[in-house]
Protein backbone atom coordinates (compact mmCIF):
# COMPACT_ATOMS: atom_id res chain seq x y z
CA MET A 1 93.39 74.82 97.15
CA ALA A 2 94.40 76.19 100.56
CA GLY A 3 96.28 78.94 98.75
CA GLY A 4 93.12 79.83 96.85
CA VAL A 5 91.16 80.01 100.11
CA VAL A 6 93.49 82.53 101.77
CA LEU A 7 93.68 84.59 98.56
CA SER A 8 89.87 84.80 98.41
CA VAL A 9 89.60 85.86 102.06
CA GLY A 10 92.43 88.38 101.58
CA ASN A 11 90.79 89.89 98.49
CA LEU A 12 87.47 90.36 100.28
CA SER A 13 89.16 91.88 103.34
CA THR A 14 91.09 94.27 101.11
CA GLN A 15 87.87 95.60 99.59
CA TYR A 16 86.59 96.51 103.07
CA ALA A 17 89.96 98.00 104.02
CA TRP A 18 90.00 100.31 100.97
CA ALA A 19 87.04 102.26 102.36
CA PHE A 20 88.77 102.86 105.70
CA VAL A 21 92.42 103.32 104.75
CA GLY A 22 92.48 104.16 101.04
CA LEU A 23 93.88 102.37 98.01
CA SER A 24 97.48 103.57 98.26
CA VAL A 25 98.21 102.67 101.88
CA VAL A 26 96.23 99.39 101.85
CA GLU A 27 98.20 98.07 98.90
CA VAL A 28 101.57 99.04 100.36
CA ILE A 29 100.86 97.50 103.79
CA THR A 30 99.33 94.26 102.45
CA SER A 31 102.06 93.82 99.83
CA SER A 32 104.82 94.52 102.33
CA LEU A 33 103.38 92.03 104.81
CA THR A 34 103.12 89.52 101.98
CA VAL A 35 106.84 89.90 101.38
CA VAL A 36 107.90 90.00 105.04
CA ILE A 37 106.05 86.77 105.90
CA GLY A 38 105.66 85.03 102.55
CA THR A 39 109.15 85.68 101.24
CA THR A 40 110.72 84.39 104.45
CA LEU A 41 108.67 81.20 104.24
CA ASN A 42 109.45 80.75 100.53
CA TYR A 43 113.16 81.27 101.11
CA PHE A 44 113.33 78.23 103.38
CA LEU A 45 110.88 76.19 101.29
CA ASP A 46 113.02 76.82 98.19
CA ASN A 47 116.11 75.43 99.95
CA LYS A 48 117.65 78.91 100.18
CA ILE A 49 118.21 79.35 96.42
CA ASN A 50 117.90 83.12 96.81
CA ARG A 51 120.83 85.15 98.12
CA ALA A 52 120.07 85.78 101.78
CA GLU A 53 122.54 88.68 102.10
CA ILE A 54 120.44 90.58 99.53
CA LEU A 55 116.99 89.10 100.18
CA PHE A 56 116.61 89.88 103.87
CA PRO A 57 117.75 93.54 103.70
CA GLY A 58 115.00 93.87 101.09
CA VAL A 59 112.52 92.25 103.47
CA GLY A 60 113.63 94.78 106.11
CA CYS A 61 112.88 97.61 103.69
CA PHE A 62 109.37 96.24 103.19
CA LEU A 63 108.90 96.13 106.97
CA ILE A 64 109.86 99.82 107.17
CA ALA A 65 107.36 100.52 104.38
CA VAL A 66 104.63 98.89 106.50
CA CYS A 67 105.41 101.20 109.43
CA LEU A 68 105.46 104.25 107.13
CA GLY A 69 102.14 103.17 105.61
CA SER A 70 100.53 103.06 109.05
CA ALA A 71 101.93 106.53 109.77
CA VAL A 72 100.55 107.86 106.45
CA HIS A 73 97.07 106.60 107.32
CA SER A 74 97.14 108.13 110.82
CA SER A 75 98.41 111.46 109.50
CA ASN A 76 95.82 111.56 106.69
CA THR A 77 93.03 110.72 109.14
CA ALA A 78 94.09 113.67 111.30
CA ASP A 79 94.15 115.92 108.20
CA ASN A 80 90.62 114.87 107.23
CA LYS A 81 89.34 115.50 110.75
CA THR A 82 90.85 119.00 110.69
CA LYS A 83 89.18 119.74 107.33
CA LEU A 84 85.79 118.56 108.55
CA ASP A 85 86.04 120.38 111.88
CA SER A 86 87.03 123.69 110.29
CA PHE A 87 84.52 123.51 107.44
CA SER A 88 81.63 122.43 109.66
CA SER A 89 82.29 124.90 112.45
CA HIS A 90 78.61 125.79 112.73
CA TYR A 91 77.86 122.11 113.34
CA LYS A 92 80.17 121.94 116.34
CA ASP A 93 77.46 120.64 118.64
CA ALA A 94 76.96 117.57 116.42
CA PRO A 95 79.21 114.49 116.89
CA LEU A 96 81.32 113.48 113.93
CA GLY A 97 79.51 111.03 111.67
CA HIS A 98 76.00 111.80 113.00
CA SER A 99 74.86 115.33 112.11
CA LEU A 100 77.43 116.46 109.62
CA PRO A 101 76.08 118.55 106.73
CA THR A 102 75.20 116.74 103.55
CA ALA A 103 77.32 117.21 100.46
CA LYS A 104 74.68 119.51 98.95
CA GLU A 105 74.53 121.60 102.13
CA THR A 106 78.30 121.97 102.27
CA ARG A 107 78.49 123.00 98.62
CA ASP A 108 75.62 125.47 99.02
CA LEU A 109 77.24 126.91 102.14
CA LYS A 110 80.54 127.43 100.37
CA ASP A 111 78.87 128.82 97.26
CA SER A 112 76.78 131.29 99.25
CA GLU A 113 79.92 132.52 100.98
CA ASN A 114 81.80 132.91 97.71
CA GLY A 115 78.83 134.20 95.71
CA THR A 116 79.23 131.57 93.00
CA ILE A 117 76.86 129.21 91.23
CA PRO A 118 76.63 125.78 92.92
CA ALA A 119 78.99 123.23 91.36
CA ASN A 120 77.90 119.72 90.47
CA LYS A 121 80.92 118.05 92.00
CA ALA A 122 83.08 118.88 95.00
CA LYS A 123 86.81 119.26 94.46
CA ALA A 124 89.01 116.40 95.61
CA GLY A 125 90.63 116.98 98.97
CA THR A 126 87.98 119.37 100.29
CA ALA A 127 85.67 118.70 103.22
CA ALA A 128 82.70 118.72 100.81
CA PHE A 129 84.40 115.98 98.78
CA LEU A 130 84.93 113.86 101.90
CA ILE A 131 81.29 114.22 102.94
CA GLU A 132 80.07 113.52 99.40
CA LEU A 133 82.22 110.40 99.31
CA GLU A 134 80.87 109.26 102.67
CA GLU A 135 77.28 109.63 101.44
CA ARG A 136 77.99 107.75 98.20
CA ARG A 137 79.84 104.76 99.63
CA SER A 138 78.04 101.88 101.32
CA ILE A 139 80.70 101.46 104.03
CA LYS A 140 80.47 104.44 106.37
CA VAL A 141 83.81 105.42 107.91
CA PHE A 142 83.13 108.72 109.70
CA GLY A 143 83.52 108.28 113.44
CA LYS A 144 85.20 104.89 113.07
CA SER A 145 88.46 104.19 114.85
CA THR A 146 91.69 104.42 112.84
CA PHE A 147 92.59 100.95 114.08
CA VAL A 148 89.53 99.30 112.48
CA GLY A 149 90.84 99.92 108.97
CA LEU A 150 94.42 99.04 109.89
CA ALA A 151 93.31 95.81 111.59
CA ILE A 152 91.44 94.71 108.43
CA THR A 153 94.44 95.71 106.33
CA PHE A 154 96.91 93.72 108.43
CA PHE A 155 94.57 90.69 108.38
CA ALA A 156 94.41 90.88 104.57
CA GLY A 157 98.21 91.12 104.43
CA VAL A 158 98.61 87.96 106.51
CA CYS A 159 96.18 86.11 104.21
CA PHE A 160 98.08 87.25 101.10
CA SER A 161 101.39 86.19 102.64
CA LEU A 162 100.28 82.55 102.81
CA PHE A 163 98.97 81.81 99.30
CA SER A 164 102.39 81.85 97.57
CA PRO A 165 104.06 79.46 100.09
CA ALA A 166 101.02 77.16 99.79
CA PHE A 167 101.41 77.11 96.01
CA ASN A 168 105.14 76.49 96.43
CA LEU A 169 104.37 73.43 98.54
CA ALA A 170 101.85 72.20 95.98
CA THR A 171 104.31 72.29 93.08
CA ASN A 172 107.55 71.24 94.82
CA ASP A 173 106.26 68.94 97.60
CA GLN A 174 108.80 70.01 100.23
CA TRP A 175 106.80 68.14 102.89
CA HIS A 176 107.03 64.87 100.89
CA THR A 177 103.30 64.15 100.90
CA LEU A 178 103.46 62.37 97.52
CA LYS A 179 104.48 58.75 97.28
CA LYS A 180 107.88 57.98 95.78
CA GLY A 181 107.82 58.10 91.98
CA VAL A 182 104.67 60.22 91.78
CA PRO A 183 105.44 63.37 89.75
CA HIS A 184 104.87 66.78 91.29
CA LEU A 185 101.98 68.98 90.20
CA THR A 186 102.85 71.27 87.33
CA VAL A 187 102.33 75.00 87.78
CA TYR A 188 99.30 74.90 85.47
CA THR A 189 97.59 71.99 87.24
CA ALA A 190 98.16 73.56 90.65
CA PHE A 191 96.92 76.90 89.33
CA PHE A 192 93.65 75.29 88.20
CA TYR A 193 92.87 73.95 91.69
CA PHE A 194 94.09 77.21 93.23
CA SER A 195 91.69 79.25 91.08
CA ALA A 196 88.78 76.84 91.55
CA SER A 197 88.93 76.99 95.36
CA CYS A 198 89.29 80.78 95.28
CA PHE A 199 86.21 81.06 93.04
CA VAL A 200 84.02 78.72 95.09
CA LEU A 201 84.85 80.41 98.39
CA ALA A 202 84.26 83.86 96.87
CA ILE A 203 80.71 82.78 95.91
CA ILE A 204 80.05 81.42 99.43
CA LEU A 205 81.41 84.51 101.18
CA ASN A 206 79.60 86.99 98.94
CA LEU A 207 76.27 85.20 99.30
CA THR A 208 76.73 85.10 103.07
CA PHE A 209 77.50 88.82 103.31
CA LEU A 210 74.58 89.70 101.02
CA TYR A 211 72.12 88.32 103.59
CA HIS A 212 74.24 88.86 106.72
CA PRO A 213 76.26 92.04 106.08
CA VAL A 214 78.97 93.36 108.41
CA LEU A 215 80.04 96.91 109.37
CA ASN A 216 76.39 98.11 109.33
CA LEU A 217 76.04 97.62 105.58
CA PRO A 218 72.51 97.32 104.12
CA LYS A 219 71.10 93.83 103.66
CA SER A 220 70.63 92.67 100.08
CA SER A 221 69.68 89.51 98.16
CA LEU A 222 70.86 87.35 95.29
CA LYS A 223 67.99 88.64 93.16
CA ALA A 224 69.03 92.25 93.72
CA TYR A 225 72.64 91.34 93.01
CA LEU A 226 71.76 89.75 89.66
CA ARG A 227 69.63 92.75 88.67
CA ASP A 228 72.35 95.31 89.37
CA TRP A 229 75.11 95.19 86.75
CA ASP A 230 76.41 98.70 87.41
CA GLY A 231 80.22 98.48 87.52
CA ARG A 232 80.22 94.71 87.05
CA GLY A 233 82.42 95.00 83.97
CA TRP A 234 85.18 96.58 86.06
CA ALA A 235 84.89 93.73 88.55
CA LEU A 236 85.25 91.12 85.80
CA LEU A 237 88.27 92.96 84.38
CA ALA A 238 89.84 93.07 87.85
CA GLY A 239 89.36 89.30 88.20
CA LEU A 240 91.01 88.63 84.83
CA LEU A 241 93.98 90.84 85.68
CA CYS A 242 94.35 89.18 89.08
CA GLY A 243 94.27 85.74 87.47
CA PHE A 244 96.91 86.61 84.86
CA GLY A 245 99.08 88.25 87.51
CA ASN A 246 98.93 85.24 89.82
CA GLY A 247 99.67 82.83 86.99
CA LEU A 248 102.73 84.76 85.86
CA GLN A 249 103.95 85.09 89.47
CA PHE A 250 103.77 81.32 89.93
CA MET A 251 105.56 80.65 86.64
CA GLY A 252 108.31 83.06 87.66
CA GLY A 253 108.51 81.51 91.12
CA GLN A 254 108.99 78.04 89.71
CA ALA A 255 111.86 79.30 87.52
CA ALA A 256 113.69 81.77 89.79
CA GLY A 257 112.41 81.01 93.28
CA TYR A 258 109.13 82.06 94.86
CA ALA A 259 110.90 84.45 97.24
CA ALA A 260 112.21 86.57 94.34
CA ALA A 261 108.90 86.23 92.48
CA ASP A 262 107.31 88.22 95.30
CA ALA A 263 108.77 91.25 93.48
CA VAL A 264 105.33 91.22 91.81
CA GLN A 265 104.29 93.11 94.94
CA ALA A 266 105.43 96.24 93.12
CA LEU A 267 101.72 96.63 92.40
CA PRO A 268 101.29 99.44 95.00
CA LEU A 269 103.38 101.72 92.79
CA VAL A 270 100.60 101.44 90.20
CA SER A 271 97.72 101.56 92.69
CA THR A 272 99.13 104.73 94.27
CA PHE A 273 98.92 106.38 90.85
CA TRP A 274 95.26 105.31 90.60
CA GLY A 275 94.53 106.46 94.14
CA VAL A 276 96.16 109.89 93.94
CA VAL A 277 95.49 110.87 90.32
CA LEU A 278 92.07 109.34 89.67
CA PHE A 279 90.45 108.96 93.10
CA GLY A 280 91.70 112.12 94.76
CA GLU A 281 93.44 110.49 97.72
CA TYR A 282 95.70 112.79 99.80
CA ARG A 283 94.65 115.92 97.92
CA LYS A 284 95.14 119.06 100.04
CA SER A 285 96.80 117.05 102.81
CA SER A 286 99.47 118.34 105.17
CA ARG A 287 103.16 118.44 104.36
CA ARG A 288 103.73 115.76 107.00
CA THR A 289 101.35 113.39 105.16
CA TYR A 290 103.04 114.09 101.81
CA ALA A 291 106.50 113.55 103.33
CA LEU A 292 105.41 110.22 104.84
CA LEU A 293 103.72 109.14 101.58
CA CYS A 294 106.85 109.89 99.52
CA SER A 295 109.05 108.10 102.09
CA MET A 296 106.78 105.06 102.00
CA LEU A 297 106.89 104.84 98.21
CA LEU A 298 110.65 105.43 98.06
CA MET A 299 111.27 102.66 100.59
CA PHE A 300 108.97 100.40 98.61
CA ILE A 301 110.85 101.04 95.35
CA VAL A 302 114.16 100.24 97.05
CA ALA A 303 112.68 97.07 98.58
CA VAL A 304 111.37 95.79 95.23
CA GLY A 305 114.73 96.40 93.54
CA VAL A 306 116.63 94.57 96.27
CA LEU A 307 114.19 91.66 96.15
CA MET A 308 114.63 91.24 92.39
CA ALA A 309 118.42 91.31 92.80
CA SER A 310 118.22 88.31 95.16
CA SER A 311 116.81 85.92 92.54
CA GLY A 312 118.45 82.54 92.07
CA HIS A 313 117.93 79.57 89.77
CA ARG A 314 116.03 76.40 90.66
CA LYS A 315 118.08 73.27 89.98
């Protein structure tokens, strides 16, 4: 149940972090921290069944990926600021995040300069796209410090790093909390309590933030929440995928060691595809940002491969 609690808090923190840092970098940093902390804990909890000479170099690669992810975010933030400053040159007297042109104004300005008909949607990677995105999202990020998003991201990573070791303790009882002769919890029984606590806390946290929002978000209500089903299907699908993923990770951990099962953290390789191809992240960025992004992903691929190679067999 403790594992479910930290997973729920980590999931909620991640959703706030996405707005500040972006899908690609958030997933790499949180997943890498999960491995650096969680894998180390699981290695000792599993009585060192994984090969340390392979496992810990892989953990080191994940740590490098975390540093590269932070660098990608800082570089991309600088790129976005340059785009906004150059595109909004006639708004120079206005502070960033207060009197920037609206998305319609920026499109009309560009169209009047080019002599074209106004487009319905700004192109990804342009200043107009960034402003349009800022207007559409509920969490406003213009003018916010780079460290706010990274701080939320690192907090989410620490939360994620603890749920797998907690589940490991629940199924293998390394702390000998059960009386002699009492069988250990099966993966499926433990997973039920894990999911139940995650679900209950998610309800409590979401209700709390509806009436007492953070980061200057608008206040809402349970009634308004129940009336608005826009995008709710995607949320339900995400929950199902998360549940299946966690269940399979725990089954693999019980068979081959929870440290090696953390190879499931390869998920950022998929989320980066979503972020770049579908959501327009890092479009029209600088060469430095692209070089850092490719280095981060390459290091992550190497780290996942090394981690899988360290798997052992539980006796």
